[in-house]
Amino acid sequence: MNKQLKIRITHGPNTAIGPGKADLLEAIIQQGSISKAAQAMNMSYRRAWELVNVMNEAFKSPLVSTSHGGSHGGGAQLTDLGNTVLQHYRNLETKVRQTAHEELNNIYKQLR
């Protein structure tokens, strides 16, 4: 059985960042564009753009900046805030897993 604890940080009705959005940010770092990141994650470009837009609007400044195409094509990269938020989120995941290990195991034991 695949057992996971997933952390989502909400902001109003939206999830400002969660596991999928963090994965998308990492894919943008690796791929250099939202389109290529979406493709690498088997996600539509439209869905990836929607997730980036939600994140960009939730925080005080954008997490992802984009550049329009030209002779070298467009691209996307994380802003300084984007890198900082991603690192804090990944640190939070690690700390919660370490701290909650015993309680999670007690809950998992009760699952079918």
N, C-alpha and C. Protein backbone atom coordinates (compact mmCIF):
# COMPACT_ATOMS: atom_id res chain seq x y z
N MET A 1 0.84 -1.17 0.00
CA MET A 1 0.00 0.00 0.00
C MET A 1 0.89 1.24 0.00
N ASN A 2 0.56 2.19 -0.82
CA ASN A 2 1.28 3.44 -0.89
C ASN A 2 0.72 4.39 0.16
N LYS A 3 1.52 4.66 1.18
CA LYS A 3 1.08 5.51 2.27
C LYS A 3 1.84 6.83 2.20
N GLN A 4 1.10 7.93 2.20
CA GLN A 4 1.72 9.24 2.09
C GLN A 4 1.02 10.25 2.97
N LEU A 5 1.80 11.18 3.43
CA LEU A 5 1.26 12.35 4.09
C LEU A 5 1.49 13.51 3.12
N LYS A 6 0.43 14.20 2.77
CA LYS A 6 0.55 15.31 1.82
C LYS A 6 0.21 16.61 2.53
N ILE A 7 1.06 17.59 2.34
CA ILE A 7 0.88 18.89 2.97
C ILE A 7 0.44 19.89 1.90
N ARG A 8 -0.64 20.57 2.18
CA ARG A 8 -1.13 21.63 1.30
C ARG A 8 -1.26 22.90 2.11
N ILE A 9 -0.72 23.97 1.58
CA ILE A 9 -0.83 25.28 2.21
C ILE A 9 -1.92 26.03 1.47
N THR A 10 -3.02 26.29 2.17
CA THR A 10 -4.14 26.96 1.52
C THR A 10 -4.05 28.47 1.72
N HIS A 11 -4.67 29.14 0.78
CA HIS A 11 -4.78 30.60 0.82
C HIS A 11 -6.15 30.94 0.24
N GLY A 12 -7.08 31.29 1.13
CA GLY A 12 -8.45 31.47 0.67
C GLY A 12 -8.97 30.13 0.17
N PRO A 13 -9.65 30.12 -0.94
CA PRO A 13 -10.21 28.86 -1.45
C PRO A 13 -9.20 28.00 -2.22
N ASN A 14 -8.01 28.52 -2.44
CA ASN A 14 -7.02 27.83 -3.27
C ASN A 14 -5.88 27.23 -2.44
N THR A 15 -5.21 26.28 -3.04
CA THR A 15 -3.98 25.74 -2.47
C THR A 15 -2.84 26.58 -3.04
N ALA A 16 -2.18 27.33 -2.16
CA ALA A 16 -1.06 28.17 -2.60
C ALA A 16 0.10 27.30 -3.06
N ILE A 17 0.37 26.24 -2.30
CA ILE A 17 1.40 25.27 -2.71
C ILE A 17 1.09 23.94 -2.04
N GLY A 18 1.34 22.90 -2.78
CA GLY A 18 1.14 21.54 -2.30
C GLY A 18 2.12 20.64 -3.05
N PRO A 19 1.97 19.34 -2.90
CA PRO A 19 2.97 18.44 -3.50
C PRO A 19 3.04 18.53 -5.03
N GLY A 20 1.92 18.63 -5.69
CA GLY A 20 1.94 18.72 -7.15
C GLY A 20 2.53 20.03 -7.64
N LYS A 21 2.19 21.10 -6.97
CA LYS A 21 2.73 22.41 -7.36
C LYS A 21 4.23 22.48 -7.09
N ALA A 22 4.67 21.89 -5.99
CA ALA A 22 6.11 21.85 -5.71
C ALA A 22 6.83 21.03 -6.79
N ASP A 23 6.23 19.91 -7.18
CA ASP A 23 6.82 19.10 -8.26
C ASP A 23 6.88 19.90 -9.55
N LEU A 24 5.85 20.67 -9.83
CA LEU A 24 5.83 21.51 -11.04
C LEU A 24 6.94 22.56 -10.98
N LEU A 25 7.12 23.19 -9.82
CA LEU A 25 8.21 24.17 -9.70
C LEU A 25 9.56 23.51 -9.97
N GLU A 26 9.76 22.32 -9.44
CA GLU A 26 11.02 21.61 -9.70
C GLU A 26 11.18 21.26 -11.17
N ALA A 27 10.08 20.89 -11.81
CA ALA A 27 10.14 20.57 -13.25
C ALA A 27 10.46 21.83 -14.06
N ILE A 28 9.96 22.98 -13.65
CA ILE A 28 10.27 24.24 -14.34
C ILE A 28 11.76 24.54 -14.21
N ILE A 29 12.31 24.29 -13.01
CA ILE A 29 13.76 24.49 -12.83
C ILE A 29 14.52 23.59 -13.80
N GLN A 30 14.13 22.33 -13.87
CA GLN A 30 14.84 21.35 -14.69
C GLN A 30 14.65 21.58 -16.19
N GLN A 31 13.44 21.97 -16.59
CA GLN A 31 13.11 22.04 -18.00
C GLN A 31 13.27 23.44 -18.61
N GLY A 32 13.19 24.47 -17.77
CA GLY A 32 13.36 25.83 -18.27
C GLY A 32 12.15 26.44 -18.92
N SER A 33 11.02 25.75 -18.90
CA SER A 33 9.78 26.31 -19.44
C SER A 33 8.58 25.60 -18.83
N ILE A 34 7.46 26.29 -18.83
CA ILE A 34 6.23 25.70 -18.31
C ILE A 34 5.77 24.59 -19.25
N SER A 35 5.88 24.81 -20.53
CA SER A 35 5.46 23.83 -21.52
C SER A 35 6.25 22.53 -21.38
N LYS A 36 7.56 22.63 -21.30
CA LYS A 36 8.39 21.43 -21.17
C LYS A 36 8.20 20.77 -19.82
N ALA A 37 7.99 21.57 -18.78
CA ALA A 37 7.73 21.00 -17.45
C ALA A 37 6.42 20.22 -17.48
N ALA A 38 5.39 20.79 -18.09
CA ALA A 38 4.10 20.10 -18.19
C ALA A 38 4.25 18.79 -18.94
N GLN A 39 4.97 18.84 -20.04
CA GLN A 39 5.18 17.64 -20.85
C GLN A 39 5.91 16.57 -20.03
N ALA A 40 6.92 16.96 -19.29
CA ALA A 40 7.69 16.01 -18.48
C ALA A 40 6.83 15.38 -17.38
N MET A 41 5.80 16.11 -16.95
CA MET A 41 4.92 15.62 -15.89
C MET A 41 3.65 14.98 -16.45
N ASN A 42 3.57 14.83 -17.78
CA ASN A 42 2.35 14.30 -18.42
C ASN A 42 1.13 15.11 -18.04
N MET A 43 1.27 16.42 -18.10
CA MET A 43 0.21 17.36 -17.74
C MET A 43 -0.01 18.29 -18.94
N SER A 44 -1.22 18.75 -19.11
CA SER A 44 -1.46 19.69 -20.20
C SER A 44 -0.80 21.03 -19.87
N TYR A 45 -0.42 21.74 -20.92
CA TYR A 45 0.16 23.07 -20.73
C TYR A 45 -0.84 23.97 -20.02
N ARG A 46 -2.10 23.86 -20.40
CA ARG A 46 -3.13 24.70 -19.79
C ARG A 46 -3.21 24.47 -18.28
N ARG A 47 -3.19 23.21 -17.87
CA ARG A 47 -3.26 22.88 -16.44
C ARG A 47 -2.02 23.40 -15.71
N ALA A 48 -0.85 23.22 -16.31
CA ALA A 48 0.38 23.72 -15.68
C ALA A 48 0.32 25.24 -15.53
N TRP A 49 -0.15 25.92 -16.58
CA TRP A 49 -0.24 27.37 -16.52
C TRP A 49 -1.23 27.80 -15.43
N GLU A 50 -2.35 27.10 -15.30
CA GLU A 50 -3.33 27.42 -14.26
C GLU A 50 -2.70 27.27 -12.86
N LEU A 51 -1.93 26.21 -12.65
CA LEU A 51 -1.28 26.00 -11.36
C LEU A 51 -0.26 27.10 -11.07
N VAL A 52 0.52 27.46 -12.08
CA VAL A 52 1.50 28.55 -11.91
C VAL A 52 0.77 29.85 -11.60
N ASN A 53 -0.32 30.10 -12.28
CA ASN A 53 -1.08 31.33 -12.05
C ASN A 53 -1.62 31.39 -10.63
N VAL A 54 -2.15 30.28 -10.13
CA VAL A 54 -2.65 30.25 -8.75
C VAL A 54 -1.52 30.56 -7.77
N MET A 55 -0.37 29.94 -7.99
CA MET A 55 0.77 30.21 -7.10
C MET A 55 1.22 31.66 -7.20
N ASN A 56 1.34 32.16 -8.41
CA ASN A 56 1.80 33.54 -8.59
C ASN A 56 0.86 34.54 -7.94
N GLU A 57 -0.44 34.26 -7.96
CA GLU A 57 -1.41 35.19 -7.38
C GLU A 57 -1.52 35.04 -5.87
N ALA A 58 -1.17 33.87 -5.33
CA ALA A 58 -1.31 33.64 -3.89
C ALA A 58 -0.22 34.32 -3.08
N PHE A 59 0.96 34.45 -3.65
CA PHE A 59 2.10 35.00 -2.90
C PHE A 59 2.27 36.49 -3.19
N LYS A 60 3.04 37.15 -2.33
CA LYS A 60 3.24 38.60 -2.43
C LYS A 60 3.85 39.02 -3.76
N SER A 61 4.64 38.16 -4.34
CA SER A 61 5.17 38.37 -5.68
C SER A 61 5.25 37.01 -6.37
N PRO A 62 5.35 36.99 -7.69
CA PRO A 62 5.31 35.73 -8.43
C PRO A 62 6.42 34.75 -8.03
N LEU A 63 6.09 33.47 -8.10
CA LEU A 63 7.08 32.42 -7.87
C LEU A 63 7.77 32.02 -9.17
N VAL A 64 7.07 32.25 -10.30
CA VAL A 64 7.59 31.89 -11.61
C VAL A 64 7.54 33.11 -12.51
N SER A 65 8.64 33.37 -13.19
CA SER A 65 8.65 34.43 -14.19
C SER A 65 8.80 33.80 -15.56
N THR A 66 8.19 34.42 -16.53
CA THR A 66 8.23 33.89 -17.89
C THR A 66 8.79 34.93 -18.83
N SER A 67 9.35 34.45 -19.93
CA SER A 67 9.80 35.34 -20.99
C SER A 67 9.16 34.86 -22.28
N HIS A 68 8.78 35.79 -23.11
CA HIS A 68 8.12 35.46 -24.37
C HIS A 68 9.13 34.92 -25.37
N GLY A 69 8.60 34.22 -26.35
CA GLY A 69 9.43 33.63 -27.40
C GLY A 69 10.15 34.70 -28.20
N GLY A 70 11.05 34.31 -28.96
CA GLY A 70 11.86 35.16 -29.82
C GLY A 70 12.74 34.23 -30.63
N SER A 71 13.88 34.72 -31.03
CA SER A 71 14.76 33.87 -31.83
C SER A 71 15.26 32.67 -31.03
N HIS A 72 15.31 32.78 -29.70
CA HIS A 72 15.75 31.67 -28.86
C HIS A 72 14.60 31.01 -28.12
N GLY A 73 13.37 31.42 -28.40
CA GLY A 73 12.21 30.84 -27.74
C GLY A 73 12.00 31.45 -26.36
N GLY A 74 10.85 31.17 -25.78
CA GLY A 74 10.52 31.69 -24.46
C GLY A 74 11.03 30.75 -23.39
N GLY A 75 10.63 31.04 -22.19
CA GLY A 75 11.05 30.18 -21.11
C GLY A 75 10.42 30.61 -19.80
N ALA A 76 10.76 29.90 -18.76
CA ALA A 76 10.26 30.21 -17.43
C ALA A 76 11.33 29.84 -16.42
N GLN A 77 11.35 30.55 -15.34
CA GLN A 77 12.27 30.24 -14.26
C GLN A 77 11.64 30.67 -12.94
N LEU A 78 12.12 30.07 -11.88
CA LEU A 78 11.65 30.46 -10.56
C LEU A 78 12.30 31.78 -10.18
N THR A 79 11.53 32.62 -9.54
CA THR A 79 12.06 33.85 -8.99
C THR A 79 12.80 33.51 -7.69
N ASP A 80 13.45 34.48 -7.11
CA ASP A 80 14.09 34.25 -5.81
C ASP A 80 13.06 33.78 -4.79
N LEU A 81 11.88 34.41 -4.80
CA LEU A 81 10.83 34.00 -3.88
C LEU A 81 10.38 32.57 -4.19
N GLY A 82 10.27 32.23 -5.46
CA GLY A 82 9.89 30.88 -5.86
C GLY A 82 10.85 29.83 -5.32
N ASN A 83 12.14 30.09 -5.46
CA ASN A 83 13.14 29.17 -4.92
C ASN A 83 13.05 29.07 -3.40
N THR A 84 12.83 30.20 -2.75
CA THR A 84 12.73 30.22 -1.29
C THR A 84 11.51 29.46 -0.81
N VAL A 85 10.36 29.71 -1.42
CA VAL A 85 9.12 29.02 -1.03
C VAL A 85 9.25 27.52 -1.27
N LEU A 86 9.81 27.13 -2.41
CA LEU A 86 9.98 25.71 -2.70
C LEU A 86 10.88 25.05 -1.65
N GLN A 87 11.97 25.71 -1.29
CA GLN A 87 12.88 25.14 -0.29
C GLN A 87 12.20 25.03 1.07
N HIS A 88 11.46 26.07 1.47
CA HIS A 88 10.72 26.01 2.74
C HIS A 88 9.69 24.89 2.73
N TYR A 89 9.00 24.73 1.62
CA TYR A 89 7.99 23.68 1.51
C TYR A 89 8.62 22.30 1.63
N ARG A 90 9.71 22.06 0.92
CA ARG A 90 10.38 20.76 1.00
C ARG A 90 10.94 20.51 2.41
N ASN A 91 11.47 21.55 3.05
CA ASN A 91 11.93 21.42 4.44
C ASN A 91 10.78 21.07 5.37
N LEU A 92 9.64 21.71 5.16
CA LEU A 92 8.45 21.43 5.96
C LEU A 92 8.02 19.97 5.80
N GLU A 93 8.00 19.49 4.57
CA GLU A 93 7.64 18.09 4.33
C GLU A 93 8.56 17.15 5.12
N THR A 94 9.84 17.40 5.06
CA THR A 94 10.81 16.55 5.76
C THR A 94 10.59 16.58 7.26
N LYS A 95 10.43 17.77 7.80
CA LYS A 95 10.25 17.91 9.25
C LYS A 95 8.96 17.25 9.73
N VAL A 96 7.89 17.41 8.98
CA VAL A 96 6.62 16.81 9.37
C VAL A 96 6.72 15.29 9.33
N ARG A 97 7.32 14.75 8.28
CA ARG A 97 7.49 13.29 8.20
C ARG A 97 8.29 12.76 9.39
N GLN A 98 9.36 13.45 9.74
CA GLN A 98 10.20 13.01 10.85
C GLN A 98 9.45 13.09 12.18
N THR A 99 8.74 14.18 12.39
CA THR A 99 8.04 14.41 13.64
C THR A 99 6.82 13.52 13.78
N ALA A 100 6.12 13.28 12.69
CA ALA A 100 4.84 12.57 12.73
C ALA A 100 4.97 11.07 12.49
N HIS A 101 6.17 10.57 12.35
CA HIS A 101 6.39 9.18 11.97
C HIS A 101 5.61 8.19 12.85
N GLU A 102 5.73 8.30 14.15
CA GLU A 102 5.07 7.34 15.05
C GLU A 102 3.55 7.44 14.94
N GLU A 103 3.02 8.63 14.96
CA GLU A 103 1.56 8.81 14.88
C GLU A 103 1.03 8.32 13.53
N LEU A 104 1.75 8.60 12.46
CA LEU A 104 1.33 8.12 11.14
C LEU A 104 1.30 6.60 11.10
N ASN A 105 2.32 5.97 11.64
CA ASN A 105 2.34 4.51 11.67
C ASN A 105 1.16 3.96 12.45
N ASN A 106 0.79 4.60 13.54
CA ASN A 106 -0.38 4.16 14.32
C ASN A 106 -1.66 4.28 13.50
N ILE A 107 -1.76 5.33 12.72
CA ILE A 107 -2.94 5.50 11.85
C ILE A 107 -2.91 4.48 10.73
N TYR A 108 -1.75 4.31 10.08
CA TYR A 108 -1.63 3.37 8.97
C TYR A 108 -2.01 1.95 9.40
N LYS A 109 -1.70 1.58 10.62
CA LYS A 109 -2.03 0.25 11.13
C LYS A 109 -3.54 0.00 11.14
N GLN A 110 -4.31 1.07 11.18
CA GLN A 110 -5.76 0.95 11.24
C GLN A 110 -6.41 0.97 9.87
N LEU A 111 -5.63 1.18 8.83
CA LEU A 111 -6.17 1.22 7.46
C LEU A 111 -6.31 -0.19 6.91
N ARG A 112 -7.25 -0.37 6.01
CA ARG A 112 -7.45 -1.67 5.34
C ARG A 112 -6.33 -1.98 4.40
